[in-house]
């Protein structure tokens, strides 16, 4: 079978590997669509593990069913989770499934940018989501990123009426904006350094979009009735964005750090100004749990989210190099979908 073997962002090679063989309790998935995530182009995180097959936002068809499986059948359309928790450890029982050691060890074999992948038994047990006929494969690739966004907003305590600042309007920021809008958020203000992305932010629900190079906390106050943001969602890892976020949260508010920054980066925090007498909370989130996946699937199926309009490029497996270039350069693209069977 064909796979896209990743060496670095400028070197992704179409190579041949044997089709995976499955064992008892496992599934062989024919990958029909696979989204490129911003983390896929995060070289500092990937280069020490190369060469490897990336891709985790997938949807496809069950090609083979392993011995002992009764609830799934060949030909069934599904989305699958690459990371799944054990459901039994301290972290899972405390509601922090994505901090589970098992979740951090599980994965596809070999990855989502290939024609077929093996789904290990634990992923079959905790991470398979049958798709309704009304949902396309490309729409189903949004289940994983949306699950991450749902989890982040829940941990950040989002509720109707909150004033929100989204720092960074790439695909993660746009999903945050779009979800917050349909969930009844108050005023949503978005920032980015790209005029293209600022236009998209307004398209998907932001009331106001501001170029980050021109943004200031005073500007936010003037646009928000004299107040800063109740919730700041940081969807980019740049140091200037993080600093802006810390300056932009209202007393009693929260900052959700949704994106990693550079490797080994340390951030200085004005402790008294930020925490003393302000009751500000800094929080983070990572990945999505099985319940987040189910909620994402239900929400996408409902049609309340206009996710299809976020897809700007649809490419064959042989064109994946272009896809990585588009995502890494972060210019006039939002979501890039790879079709491994083409």
C-alpha atoms as a PDB file:
ATOM      1  CA  UNK A   1       0.000   0.000   0.000  1.00  0.00           C
ATOM      2  CA  UNK A   2       1.024   3.629  -0.464  1.00  0.00           C
ATOM      3  CA  UNK A   3       1.986   5.750   2.550  1.00  0.00           C
ATOM      4  CA  UNK A   4       3.205   9.317   2.942  1.00  0.00           C
ATOM      5  CA  UNK A   5       6.458   8.952   4.889  1.00  0.00           C
ATOM      6  CA  UNK A   6       7.342  12.140   6.758  1.00  0.00           C
ATOM      7  CA  UNK A   7      10.998  13.201   7.049  1.00  0.00           C
ATOM      8  CA  UNK A   8      10.421  16.928   7.524  1.00  0.00           C
ATOM      9  CA  UNK A   9       7.937  19.537   6.341  1.00  0.00           C
ATOM     10  CA  UNK A  10       9.657  19.776   2.941  1.00  0.00           C
ATOM     11  CA  UNK A  11      10.374  16.077   2.537  1.00  0.00           C
ATOM     12  CA  UNK A  12       7.353  13.784   2.503  1.00  0.00           C
ATOM     13  CA  UNK A  13       7.835  10.724   0.299  1.00  0.00           C
ATOM     14  CA  UNK A  14       5.212   8.413  -1.168  1.00  0.00           C
ATOM     15  CA  UNK A  15       6.496   4.941  -0.334  1.00  0.00           C
ATOM     16  CA  UNK A  16       5.215   1.375  -0.361  1.00  0.00           C
ATOM     17  CA  UNK A  17       4.617  -0.587   2.836  1.00  0.00           C
ATOM     18  CA  UNK A  18       2.852  -3.916   3.337  1.00  0.00           C
ATOM     19  CA  UNK A  19      -0.822  -3.619   4.130  1.00  0.00           C
ATOM     20  CA  UNK A  20      -1.126  -4.109   7.925  1.00  0.00           C
ATOM     21  CA  UNK A  21      -2.291  -7.503   9.164  1.00  0.00           C
ATOM     22  CA  UNK A  22      -4.828  -7.444  11.947  1.00  0.00           C
ATOM     23  CA  UNK A  23      -5.197  -9.695  14.965  1.00  0.00           C
ATOM     24  CA  UNK A  24      -8.121 -10.631  17.200  1.00  0.00           C
ATOM     25  CA  UNK A  25     -10.201  -7.643  18.267  1.00  0.00           C
ATOM     26  CA  UNK A  26      -8.591  -5.346  15.670  1.00  0.00           C
ATOM     27  CA  UNK A  27      -9.891  -3.563  12.573  1.00  0.00           C
ATOM     28  CA  UNK A  28      -8.334  -2.769   9.213  1.00  0.00           C
ATOM     29  CA  UNK A  29      -9.504   0.664   8.065  1.00  0.00           C
ATOM     30  CA  UNK A  30      -9.482   1.832   4.463  1.00  0.00           C
ATOM     31  CA  UNK A  31      -8.686   5.532   4.925  1.00  0.00           C
ATOM     32  CA  UNK A  32     -10.948   7.679   2.758  1.00  0.00           C
ATOM     33  CA  UNK A  33     -10.091  11.156   4.093  1.00  0.00           C
ATOM     34  CA  UNK A  34      -7.446  12.515   6.455  1.00  0.00           C
ATOM     35  CA  UNK A  35      -7.015  16.105   7.609  1.00  0.00           C
ATOM     36  CA  UNK A  36      -3.650  17.801   8.088  1.00  0.00           C
ATOM     37  CA  UNK A  37      -3.401  19.163  11.630  1.00  0.00           C
ATOM     38  CA  UNK A  38      -1.231  22.081  12.695  1.00  0.00           C
ATOM     39  CA  UNK A  39       0.618  19.674  14.985  1.00  0.00           C
ATOM     40  CA  UNK A  40       1.607  17.609  11.929  1.00  0.00           C
ATOM     41  CA  UNK A  41       3.838  20.463  10.737  1.00  0.00           C
ATOM     42  CA  UNK A  42       5.341  21.139  14.195  1.00  0.00           C
ATOM     43  CA  UNK A  43       8.879  20.104  13.256  1.00  0.00           C
ATOM     44  CA  UNK A  44      10.490  20.443  16.689  1.00  0.00           C
ATOM     45  CA  UNK A  45       8.021  17.846  17.953  1.00  0.00           C
ATOM     46  CA  UNK A  46       8.355  15.474  14.981  1.00  0.00           C
ATOM     47  CA  UNK A  47      11.970  15.438  13.829  1.00  0.00           C
ATOM     48  CA  UNK A  48      13.332  13.224  16.593  1.00  0.00           C
ATOM     49  CA  UNK A  49      10.841  10.502  15.617  1.00  0.00           C
ATOM     50  CA  UNK A  50      11.236  10.488  11.837  1.00  0.00           C
ATOM     51  CA  UNK A  51      10.717   8.837   9.444  1.00  0.00           C
ATOM     52  CA  UNK A  52       7.099   8.144  10.303  1.00  0.00           C
ATOM     53  CA  UNK A  53       3.583   8.215   8.879  1.00  0.00           C
ATOM     54  CA  UNK A  54       1.555  11.045  10.381  1.00  0.00           C
ATOM     55  CA  UNK A  55      -2.171  11.743  10.207  1.00  0.00           C
ATOM     56  CA  UNK A  56      -4.762  11.401  12.961  1.00  0.00           C
ATOM     57  CA  UNK A  57      -7.902  13.183  11.721  1.00  0.00           C
ATOM     58  CA  UNK A  58      -9.317  10.284   9.750  1.00  0.00           C
ATOM     59  CA  UNK A  59     -12.503   8.745   8.424  1.00  0.00           C
ATOM     60  CA  UNK A  60     -12.866   5.613   6.365  1.00  0.00           C
ATOM     61  CA  UNK A  61     -14.423   2.242   5.779  1.00  0.00           C
ATOM     62  CA  UNK A  62     -13.899  -0.977   7.701  1.00  0.00           C
ATOM     63  CA  UNK A  63     -11.992  -3.276   5.320  1.00  0.00           C
ATOM     64  CA  UNK A  64     -11.466  -6.270   7.612  1.00  0.00           C
ATOM     65  CA  UNK A  65     -12.868  -7.278  11.014  1.00  0.00           C
ATOM     66  CA  UNK A  66     -10.726  -9.161  13.500  1.00  0.00           C
ATOM     67  CA  UNK A  67     -11.775 -12.318  15.273  1.00  0.00           C
ATOM     68  CA  UNK A  68     -14.114 -11.741  18.206  1.00  0.00           C
ATOM     69  CA  UNK A  69     -15.593  -8.438  17.018  1.00  0.00           C
ATOM     70  CA  UNK A  70     -19.381  -8.554  16.900  1.00  0.00           C
ATOM     71  CA  UNK A  71     -20.495  -4.916  16.782  1.00  0.00           C
ATOM     72  CA  UNK A  72     -18.671  -3.750  13.621  1.00  0.00           C
ATOM     73  CA  UNK A  73     -18.841  -5.152  10.101  1.00  0.00           C
ATOM     74  CA  UNK A  74     -16.984  -4.860   6.817  1.00  0.00           C
ATOM     75  CA  UNK A  75     -18.047  -1.879   4.732  1.00  0.00           C
ATOM     76  CA  UNK A  76     -19.168   0.181   7.710  1.00  0.00           C
ATOM     77  CA  UNK A  77     -18.281   3.886   7.553  1.00  0.00           C
ATOM     78  CA  UNK A  78     -16.444   5.116  10.655  1.00  0.00           C
ATOM     79  CA  UNK A  79     -14.265   7.767  12.220  1.00  0.00           C
ATOM     80  CA  UNK A  80     -11.553   6.570  14.607  1.00  0.00           C
ATOM     81  CA  UNK A  81      -9.573   8.037  17.495  1.00  0.00           C
ATOM     82  CA  UNK A  82      -5.809   7.615  17.400  1.00  0.00           C
ATOM     83  CA  UNK A  83      -5.370   8.211  21.152  1.00  0.00           C
ATOM     84  CA  UNK A  84      -7.705   6.521  23.646  1.00  0.00           C
ATOM     85  CA  UNK A  85      -7.672   6.434  27.474  1.00  0.00           C
ATOM     86  CA  UNK A  86      -7.858   3.359  29.693  1.00  0.00           C
ATOM     87  CA  UNK A  87     -10.911   4.649  31.571  1.00  0.00           C
ATOM     88  CA  UNK A  88      -9.657   3.166  34.860  1.00  0.00           C
ATOM     89  CA  UNK A  89      -6.610   5.097  36.080  1.00  0.00           C
ATOM     90  CA  UNK A  90      -6.396   8.021  38.513  1.00  0.00           C
ATOM     91  CA  UNK A  91      -6.506  10.569  35.696  1.00  0.00           C
ATOM     92  CA  UNK A  92      -9.471   9.004  33.894  1.00  0.00           C
ATOM     93  CA  UNK A  93     -11.506   8.661  37.090  1.00  0.00           C
ATOM     94  CA  UNK A  94     -10.754  12.309  37.920  1.00  0.00           C
ATOM     95  CA  UNK A  95     -12.103  13.452  34.537  1.00  0.00           C
ATOM     96  CA  UNK A  96      -8.670  14.083  32.997  1.00  0.00           C
ATOM     97  CA  UNK A  97      -8.757  11.274  30.441  1.00  0.00           C
ATOM     98  CA  UNK A  98      -6.336  13.053  28.139  1.00  0.00           C
ATOM     99  CA  UNK A  99      -3.655  12.983  30.851  1.00  0.00           C
ATOM    100  CA  UNK A 100      -3.921   9.175  30.916  1.00  0.00           C
ATOM    101  CA  UNK A 101      -0.673   7.281  30.277  1.00  0.00           C
ATOM    102  CA  UNK A 102      -2.515   4.851  28.001  1.00  0.00           C
ATOM    103  CA  UNK A 103      -3.877   7.660  25.855  1.00  0.00           C
ATOM    104  CA  UNK A 104      -0.351   8.953  25.287  1.00  0.00           C
ATOM    105  CA  UNK A 105       0.892   5.533  24.160  1.00  0.00           C
ATOM    106  CA  UNK A 106      -1.921   4.523  21.792  1.00  0.00           C
ATOM    107  CA  UNK A 107      -1.908   5.299  18.082  1.00  0.00           C
ATOM    108  CA  UNK A 108      -2.772   4.145  14.574  1.00  0.00           C
ATOM    109  CA  UNK A 109      -0.572   1.667  12.710  1.00  0.00           C
ATOM    110  CA  UNK A 110       1.079   3.220  10.781  1.00  0.00           C
ATOM    111  CA  UNK A 111      -0.829   6.559  10.603  1.00  0.00           C
ATOM    112  CA  UNK A 112      -3.617   8.381   8.819  1.00  0.00           C
ATOM    113  CA  UNK A 113      -1.717   9.419   5.674  1.00  0.00           C
ATOM    114  CA  UNK A 114      -1.828   5.993   4.060  1.00  0.00           C
ATOM    115  CA  UNK A 115      -4.280   3.788   2.207  1.00  0.00           C
ATOM    116  CA  UNK A 116      -4.956   1.377   5.083  1.00  0.00           C
ATOM    117  CA  UNK A 117      -4.302   1.388   8.813  1.00  0.00           C
ATOM    118  CA  UNK A 118      -4.556  -1.156  11.594  1.00  0.00           C
ATOM    119  CA  UNK A 119      -6.673  -0.127  14.557  1.00  0.00           C
ATOM    120  CA  UNK A 120      -5.412  -1.834  17.737  1.00  0.00           C
ATOM    121  CA  UNK A 121      -7.887  -3.557  20.037  1.00  0.00           C
ATOM    122  CA  UNK A 122      -7.929  -0.806  22.671  1.00  0.00           C
ATOM    123  CA  UNK A 123      -8.727   1.760  19.964  1.00  0.00           C
ATOM    124  CA  UNK A 124     -11.503  -0.491  18.705  1.00  0.00           C
ATOM    125  CA  UNK A 125     -12.883  -0.746  22.242  1.00  0.00           C
ATOM    126  CA  UNK A 126     -12.794   2.986  23.007  1.00  0.00           C
ATOM    127  CA  UNK A 127     -12.372   4.934  19.772  1.00  0.00           C
ATOM    128  CA  UNK A 128     -14.638   3.881  16.876  1.00  0.00           C
ATOM    129  CA  UNK A 129     -17.531   6.123  15.828  1.00  0.00           C
ATOM    130  CA  UNK A 130     -19.975   4.858  13.172  1.00  0.00           C
ATOM    131  CA  UNK A 131     -20.974   7.591  10.741  1.00  0.00           C
ATOM    132  CA  UNK A 132     -24.514   8.380   9.640  1.00  0.00           C
ATOM    133  CA  UNK A 133     -25.132   8.250   5.895  1.00  0.00           C
ATOM    134  CA  UNK A 134     -25.716  11.996   5.898  1.00  0.00           C
ATOM    135  CA  UNK A 135     -22.127  12.724   6.962  1.00  0.00           C
ATOM    136  CA  UNK A 136     -19.370  12.764   4.355  1.00  0.00           C
ATOM    137  CA  UNK A 137     -15.900  11.384   5.034  1.00  0.00           C
ATOM    138  CA  UNK A 138     -14.338  14.823   4.773  1.00  0.00           C
ATOM    139  CA  UNK A 139     -16.805  16.268   7.291  1.00  0.00           C
ATOM    140  CA  UNK A 140     -16.036  13.365   9.624  1.00  0.00           C
ATOM    141  CA  UNK A 141     -12.339  14.329   9.703  1.00  0.00           C
ATOM    142  CA  UNK A 142     -13.415  17.314  11.823  1.00  0.00           C
ATOM    143  CA  UNK A 143     -14.594  15.057  14.666  1.00  0.00           C
ATOM    144  CA  UNK A 144     -11.120  14.862  16.233  1.00  0.00           C
ATOM    145  CA  UNK A 145     -10.219  18.578  16.106  1.00  0.00           C
ATOM    146  CA  UNK A 146     -13.714  19.598  17.190  1.00  0.00           C
ATOM    147  CA  UNK A 147     -13.545  17.156  20.120  1.00  0.00           C
ATOM    148  CA  UNK A 148     -10.358  18.923  21.243  1.00  0.00           C
ATOM    149  CA  UNK A 149     -12.091  22.303  21.015  1.00  0.00           C
ATOM    150  CA  UNK A 150     -15.154  21.064  22.900  1.00  0.00           C
ATOM    151  CA  UNK A 151     -12.951  19.770  25.703  1.00  0.00           C
ATOM    152  CA  UNK A 152     -10.955  22.991  25.884  1.00  0.00           C
ATOM    153  CA  UNK A 153     -14.020  25.192  26.130  1.00  0.00           C
ATOM    154  CA  UNK A 154     -15.585  22.958  28.758  1.00  0.00           C
ATOM    155  CA  UNK A 155     -12.438  23.006  30.917  1.00  0.00           C
ATOM    156  CA  UNK A 156     -12.309  26.781  30.505  1.00  0.00           C
ATOM    157  CA  UNK A 157     -15.847  27.078  31.881  1.00  0.00           C
ATOM    158  CA  UNK A 158     -17.459  28.608  28.834  1.00  0.00           C
ATOM    159  CA  UNK A 159     -21.095  29.625  29.203  1.00  0.00           C
ATOM    160  CA  UNK A 160     -23.589  31.806  27.328  1.00  0.00           C
ATOM    161  CA  UNK A 161     -22.957  35.522  27.424  1.00  0.00           C
ATOM    162  CA  UNK A 162     -19.223  35.476  28.114  1.00  0.00           C
ATOM    163  CA  UNK A 163     -17.100  37.979  26.240  1.00  0.00           C
ATOM    164  CA  UNK A 164     -14.393  36.057  24.394  1.00  0.00           C
ATOM    165  CA  UNK A 165     -11.072  36.958  22.812  1.00  0.00           C
ATOM    166  CA  UNK A 166      -9.608  34.345  20.460  1.00  0.00           C
ATOM    167  CA  UNK A 167      -5.907  34.929  19.860  1.00  0.00           C
ATOM    168  CA  UNK A 168      -4.932  33.260  16.586  1.00  0.00           C
ATOM    169  CA  UNK A 169      -7.474  32.524  13.855  1.00  0.00           C
ATOM    170  CA  UNK A 170      -6.097  29.414  12.192  1.00  0.00           C
ATOM    171  CA  UNK A 171      -8.261  26.311  12.009  1.00  0.00           C
ATOM    172  CA  UNK A 172      -8.236  25.805  15.806  1.00  0.00           C
ATOM    173  CA  UNK A 173      -9.133  29.428  16.444  1.00  0.00           C
ATOM    174  CA  UNK A 174     -11.888  29.330  13.839  1.00  0.00           C
ATOM    175  CA  UNK A 175     -13.379  26.203  15.388  1.00  0.00           C
ATOM    176  CA  UNK A 176     -13.301  27.913  18.784  1.00  0.00           C
ATOM    177  CA  UNK A 177     -15.020  30.974  17.338  1.00  0.00           C
ATOM    178  CA  UNK A 178     -17.627  28.955  15.481  1.00  0.00           C
ATOM    179  CA  UNK A 179     -18.423  26.717  18.454  1.00  0.00           C
ATOM    180  CA  UNK A 180     -18.570  29.600  20.915  1.00  0.00           C
ATOM    181  CA  UNK A 181     -20.953  31.469  18.621  1.00  0.00           C
ATOM    182  CA  UNK A 182     -23.453  28.646  18.307  1.00  0.00           C
ATOM    183  CA  UNK A 183     -23.196  27.974  22.053  1.00  0.00           C
ATOM    184  CA  UNK A 184     -24.401  31.488  22.865  1.00  0.00           C
ATOM    185  CA  UNK A 185     -21.230  33.421  23.634  1.00  0.00           C
ATOM    186  CA  UNK A 186     -21.427  37.179  24.029  1.00  0.00           C
ATOM    187  CA  UNK A 187     -19.134  39.408  22.001  1.00  0.00           C
ATOM    188  CA  UNK A 188     -16.350  37.475  20.252  1.00  0.00           C
ATOM    189  CA  UNK A 189     -13.218  39.335  19.201  1.00  0.00           C
ATOM    190  CA  UNK A 190     -10.505  37.604  17.180  1.00  0.00           C
ATOM    191  CA  UNK A 191      -6.909  38.472  16.369  1.00  0.00           C
ATOM    192  CA  UNK A 192      -4.360  37.232  13.844  1.00  0.00           C
ATOM    193  CA  UNK A 193      -1.533  38.621  11.727  1.00  0.00           C
ATOM    194  CA  UNK A 194      -3.144  37.405   8.473  1.00  0.00           C
ATOM    195  CA  UNK A 195      -5.808  39.532   6.806  1.00  0.00           C
ATOM    196  CA  UNK A 196      -7.168  36.393   5.146  1.00  0.00           C
ATOM    197  CA  UNK A 197      -7.676  34.678   8.497  1.00  0.00           C
ATOM    198  CA  UNK A 198      -9.189  37.796  10.014  1.00  0.00           C
ATOM    199  CA  UNK A 199     -11.839  37.725   7.276  1.00  0.00           C
ATOM    200  CA  UNK A 200     -12.488  34.063   8.005  1.00  0.00           C
ATOM    201  CA  UNK A 201     -12.838  34.807  11.712  1.00  0.00           C
ATOM    202  CA  UNK A 202     -15.722  37.162  10.988  1.00  0.00           C
ATOM    203  CA  UNK A 203     -17.198  34.692   8.530  1.00  0.00           C
ATOM    204  CA  UNK A 204     -17.370  32.001  11.213  1.00  0.00           C
ATOM    205  CA  UNK A 205     -18.765  34.079  14.034  1.00  0.00           C
ATOM    206  CA  UNK A 206     -16.427  36.778  15.344  1.00  0.00           C
ATOM    207  CA  UNK A 207     -18.046  40.159  15.875  1.00  0.00           C
ATOM    208  CA  UNK A 208     -14.756  41.992  15.426  1.00  0.00           C
ATOM    209  CA  UNK A 209     -11.375  40.899  14.054  1.00  0.00           C
ATOM    210  CA  UNK A 210      -8.180  42.831  14.711  1.00  0.00           C
ATOM    211  CA  UNK A 211      -4.693  42.566  13.277  1.00  0.00           C
ATOM    212  CA  UNK A 212      -2.512  41.371  16.150  1.00  0.00           C
ATOM    213  CA  UNK A 213       0.190  43.892  15.204  1.00  0.00           C
ATOM    214  CA  UNK A 214      -2.268  46.712  15.929  1.00  0.00           C
ATOM    215  CA  UNK A 215      -4.021  45.124  18.906  1.00  0.00           C
ATOM    216  CA  UNK A 216      -3.748  46.373  22.488  1.00  0.00           C
ATOM    217  CA  UNK A 217      -5.602  45.777  25.736  1.00  0.00           C
ATOM    218  CA  UNK A 218      -6.822  49.384  25.617  1.00  0.00           C
ATOM    219  CA  UNK A 219      -8.308  48.718  22.190  1.00  0.00           C
ATOM    220  CA  UNK A 220     -10.099  45.679  23.592  1.00  0.00           C
ATOM    221  CA  UNK A 221     -11.574  47.780  26.399  1.00  0.00           C
ATOM    222  CA  UNK A 222     -12.803  50.389  23.942  1.00  0.00           C
ATOM    223  CA  UNK A 223     -14.532  47.708  21.860  1.00  0.00           C
ATOM    224  CA  UNK A 224     -15.907  45.780  24.820  1.00  0.00           C
ATOM    225  CA  UNK A 225     -17.687  48.358  26.943  1.00  0.00           C
ATOM    226  CA  UNK A 226     -14.668  49.231  29.034  1.00  0.00           C
ATOM    227  CA  UNK A 227     -13.896  45.649  30.026  1.00  0.00           C
ATOM    228  CA  UNK A 228     -11.338  43.059  29.026  1.00  0.00           C
ATOM    229  CA  UNK A 229     -12.309  39.516  27.960  1.00  0.00           C
ATOM    230  CA  UNK A 230     -14.028  37.073  30.310  1.00  0.00           C
ATOM    231  CA  UNK A 231     -12.327  34.239  28.445  1.00  0.00           C
ATOM    232  CA  UNK A 232      -9.176  34.422  26.332  1.00  0.00           C
ATOM    233  CA  UNK A 233      -8.482  31.414  24.089  1.00  0.00           C
ATOM    234  CA  UNK A 234      -4.891  31.231  22.869  1.00  0.00           C
ATOM    235  CA  UNK A 235      -4.818  29.219  19.632  1.00  0.00           C
ATOM    236  CA  UNK A 236      -1.276  30.051  18.603  1.00  0.00           C
ATOM    237  CA  UNK A 237       2.048  29.443  20.300  1.00  0.00           C
ATOM    238  CA  UNK A 238       3.814  32.710  19.503  1.00  0.00           C
ATOM    239  CA  UNK A 239       5.313  34.506  22.493  1.00  0.00           C
ATOM    240  CA  UNK A 240       3.705  37.828  21.547  1.00  0.00           C
ATOM    241  CA  UNK A 241       0.288  36.157  21.369  1.00  0.00           C
ATOM    242  CA  UNK A 242       0.730  34.645  24.829  1.00  0.00           C
ATOM    243  CA  UNK A 243       1.793  38.014  26.229  1.00  0.00           C
ATOM    244  CA  UNK A 244      -1.222  39.702  24.628  1.00  0.00           C
ATOM    245  CA  UNK A 245      -3.507  37.067  26.118  1.00  0.00           C
ATOM    246  CA  UNK A 246      -2.189  37.635  29.629  1.00  0.00           C
ATOM    247  CA  UNK A 247      -2.815  41.371  29.245  1.00  0.00           C
ATOM    248  CA  UNK A 248      -6.343  40.864  27.950  1.00  0.00           C
ATOM    249  CA  UNK A 249      -8.187  38.876  30.629  1.00  0.00           C
ATOM    250  CA  UNK A 250     -10.745  40.576  32.878  1.00  0.00           C
ATOM    251  CA  UNK A 251     -10.868  40.167  36.658  1.00  0.00           C
ATOM    252  CA  UNK A 252     -12.431  36.816  37.450  1.00  0.00           C
ATOM    253  CA  UNK A 253     -11.721  35.637  33.910  1.00  0.00           C
ATOM    254  CA  UNK A 254      -9.846  32.717  32.409  1.00  0.00           C
ATOM    255  CA  UNK A 255      -7.124  32.117  29.857  1.00  0.00           C
ATOM    256  CA  UNK A 256      -7.203  28.833  27.932  1.00  0.00           C
ATOM    257  CA  UNK A 257      -3.845  27.851  26.437  1.00  0.00           C
ATOM    258  CA  UNK A 258      -4.870  25.645  23.532  1.00  0.00           C
ATOM    259  CA  UNK A 259      -1.652  25.558  21.480  1.00  0.00           C
ATOM    260  CA  UNK A 260       1.929  24.623  22.408  1.00  0.00           C
ATOM    261  CA  UNK A 261       4.746  27.093  21.948  1.00  0.00           C
ATOM    262  CA  UNK A 262       8.371  26.563  20.914  1.00  0.00           C
ATOM    263  CA  UNK A 263      10.330  23.718  22.467  1.00  0.00           C
ATOM    264  CA  UNK A 264      11.687  24.552  25.955  1.00  0.00           C
ATOM    265  CA  UNK A 265      10.109  28.018  25.874  1.00  0.00           C
ATOM    266  CA  UNK A 266       9.739  29.692  29.282  1.00  0.00           C
ATOM    267  CA  UNK A 267       7.217  32.481  29.832  1.00  0.00           C
ATOM    268  CA  UNK A 268       7.590  35.271  32.397  1.00  0.00           C
ATOM    269  CA  UNK A 269       4.366  36.139  34.210  1.00  0.00           C
ATOM    270  CA  UNK A 270       3.697  39.458  36.012  1.00  0.00           C
ATOM    271  CA  UNK A 271       2.559  37.608  39.123  1.00  0.00           C
ATOM    272  CA  UNK A 272       1.047  40.339  41.303  1.00  0.00           C
ATOM    273  CA  UNK A 273      -0.521  42.191  38.398  1.00  0.00           C
ATOM    274  CA  UNK A 274      -2.035  39.030  37.011  1.00  0.00           C
ATOM    275  CA  UNK A 275      -3.065  37.119  40.141  1.00  0.00           C
ATOM    276  CA  UNK A 276      -3.223  39.311  43.236  1.00  0.00           C
ATOM    277  CA  UNK A 277      -6.800  40.541  43.776  1.00  0.00           C
ATOM    278  CA  UNK A 278      -7.867  39.496  40.264  1.00  0.00           C
ATOM    279  CA  UNK A 279      -9.024  35.865  40.681  1.00  0.00           C
ATOM    280  CA  UNK A 280      -7.774  35.029  37.186  1.00  0.00           C
ATOM    281  CA  UNK A 281      -7.415  31.381  36.175  1.00  0.00           C
ATOM    282  CA  UNK A 282      -4.884  30.048  33.675  1.00  0.00           C
ATOM    283  CA  UNK A 283      -5.759  26.627  32.270  1.00  0.00           C
ATOM    284  CA  UNK A 284      -4.915  24.316  29.395  1.00  0.00           C
ATOM    285  CA  UNK A 285      -6.350  21.372  27.502  1.00  0.00           C
ATOM    286  CA  UNK A 286      -5.023  18.562  25.368  1.00  0.00           C
ATOM    287  CA  UNK A 287      -6.747  16.212  22.916  1.00  0.00           C
ATOM    288  CA  UNK A 288     -10.265  14.851  23.399  1.00  0.00           C
ATOM    289  CA  UNK A 289     -11.880  12.046  25.404  1.00  0.00           C
ATOM    290  CA  UNK A 290     -14.365   9.493  24.023  1.00  0.00           C
ATOM    291  CA  UNK A 291     -17.273  11.598  25.304  1.00  0.00           C
ATOM    292  CA  UNK A 292     -15.814  14.655  23.532  1.00  0.00           C
ATOM    293  CA  UNK A 293     -15.658  12.665  20.287  1.00  0.00           C
ATOM    294  CA  UNK A 294     -19.286  11.617  20.648  1.00  0.00           C
ATOM    295  CA  UNK A 295     -20.374  15.180  21.320  1.00  0.00           C
ATOM    296  CA  UNK A 296     -18.389  16.396  18.298  1.00  0.00           C
ATOM    297  CA  UNK A 297     -19.964  13.760  16.055  1.00  0.00           C
ATOM    298  CA  UNK A 298     -23.472  14.677  17.234  1.00  0.00           C
ATOM    299  CA  UNK A 299     -22.811  18.382  16.766  1.00  0.00           C
ATOM    300  CA  UNK A 300     -21.422  17.981  13.249  1.00  0.00           C
ATOM    301  CA  UNK A 301     -24.296  15.677  12.294  1.00  0.00           C
ATOM    302  CA  UNK A 302     -26.802  18.256  13.537  1.00  0.00           C
ATOM    303  CA  UNK A 303     -25.668  20.675  10.836  1.00  0.00           C
ATOM    304  CA  UNK A 304     -25.278  23.572  13.281  1.00  0.00           C
ATOM    305  CA  UNK A 305     -21.628  23.997  12.316  1.00  0.00           C
ATOM    306  CA  UNK A 306     -20.614  25.069   8.814  1.00  0.00           C
ATOM    307  CA  UNK A 307     -17.456  22.977   8.767  1.00  0.00           C
ATOM    308  CA  UNK A 308     -17.484  22.147   5.052  1.00  0.00           C
ATOM    309  CA  UNK A 309     -16.814  25.805   4.305  1.00  0.00           C
ATOM    310  CA  UNK A 310     -13.588  25.551   6.298  1.00  0.00           C
ATOM    311  CA  UNK A 311     -12.121  23.111   3.767  1.00  0.00           C
ATOM    312  CA  UNK A 312     -10.008  25.105   1.328  1.00  0.00           C
ATOM    313  CA  UNK A 313      -7.949  22.331  -0.289  1.00  0.00           C
ATOM    314  CA  UNK A 314      -8.698  18.725  -1.231  1.00  0.00           C
ATOM    315  CA  UNK A 315      -5.602  16.821  -2.358  1.00  0.00           C
ATOM    316  CA  UNK A 316      -4.581  13.306  -3.349  1.00  0.00           C
ATOM    317  CA  UNK A 317      -1.962  11.383  -1.364  1.00  0.00           C
ATOM    318  CA  UNK A 318       0.651  12.180  -4.009  1.00  0.00           C
ATOM    319  CA  UNK A 319      -0.010  15.893  -3.450  1.00  0.00           C
ATOM    320  CA  UNK A 320       0.571  15.749   0.305  1.00  0.00           C
ATOM    321  CA  UNK A 321       3.802  17.744   0.009  1.00  0.00           C
ATOM    322  CA  UNK A 322       1.752  20.699  -1.229  1.00  0.00           C
ATOM    323  CA  UNK A 323      -0.661  20.162   1.648  1.00  0.00           C
ATOM    324  CA  UNK A 324       2.093  20.354   4.245  1.00  0.00           C
ATOM    325  CA  UNK A 325       3.478  23.470   2.553  1.00  0.00           C
ATOM    326  CA  UNK A 326       0.070  25.154   2.721  1.00  0.00           C
ATOM    327  CA  UNK A 327      -0.416  24.326   6.392  1.00  0.00           C
ATOM    328  CA  UNK A 328       3.147  25.220   7.416  1.00  0.00           C
ATOM    329  CA  UNK A 329       3.077  28.564   5.616  1.00  0.00           C
ATOM    330  CA  UNK A 330      -0.338  29.409   7.114  1.00  0.00           C
ATOM    331  CA  UNK A 331      -1.328  31.807   4.370  1.00  0.00           C
ATOM    332  CA  UNK A 332      -4.565  31.456   2.384  1.00  0.00           C
ATOM    333  CA  UNK A 333      -5.654  28.044   3.570  1.00  0.00           C
ATOM    334  CA  UNK A 334      -7.816  26.854   6.426  1.00  0.00           C
ATOM    335  CA  UNK A 335      -8.317  23.092   6.311  1.00  0.00           C
ATOM    336  CA  UNK A 336      -6.421  20.795   3.969  1.00  0.00           C
ATOM    337  CA  UNK A 337      -7.876  17.320   3.425  1.00  0.00           C
ATOM    338  CA  UNK A 338      -5.892  14.416   1.953  1.00  0.00           C
ATOM    339  CA  UNK A 339      -7.635  11.596   0.078  1.00  0.00           C
ATOM    340  CA  UNK A 340      -5.309   8.572   0.414  1.00  0.00           C
ATOM    341  CA  UNK A 341      -7.195   6.482  -2.159  1.00  0.00           C
ATOM    342  CA  UNK A 342      -6.588   9.029  -4.942  1.00  0.00           C
END
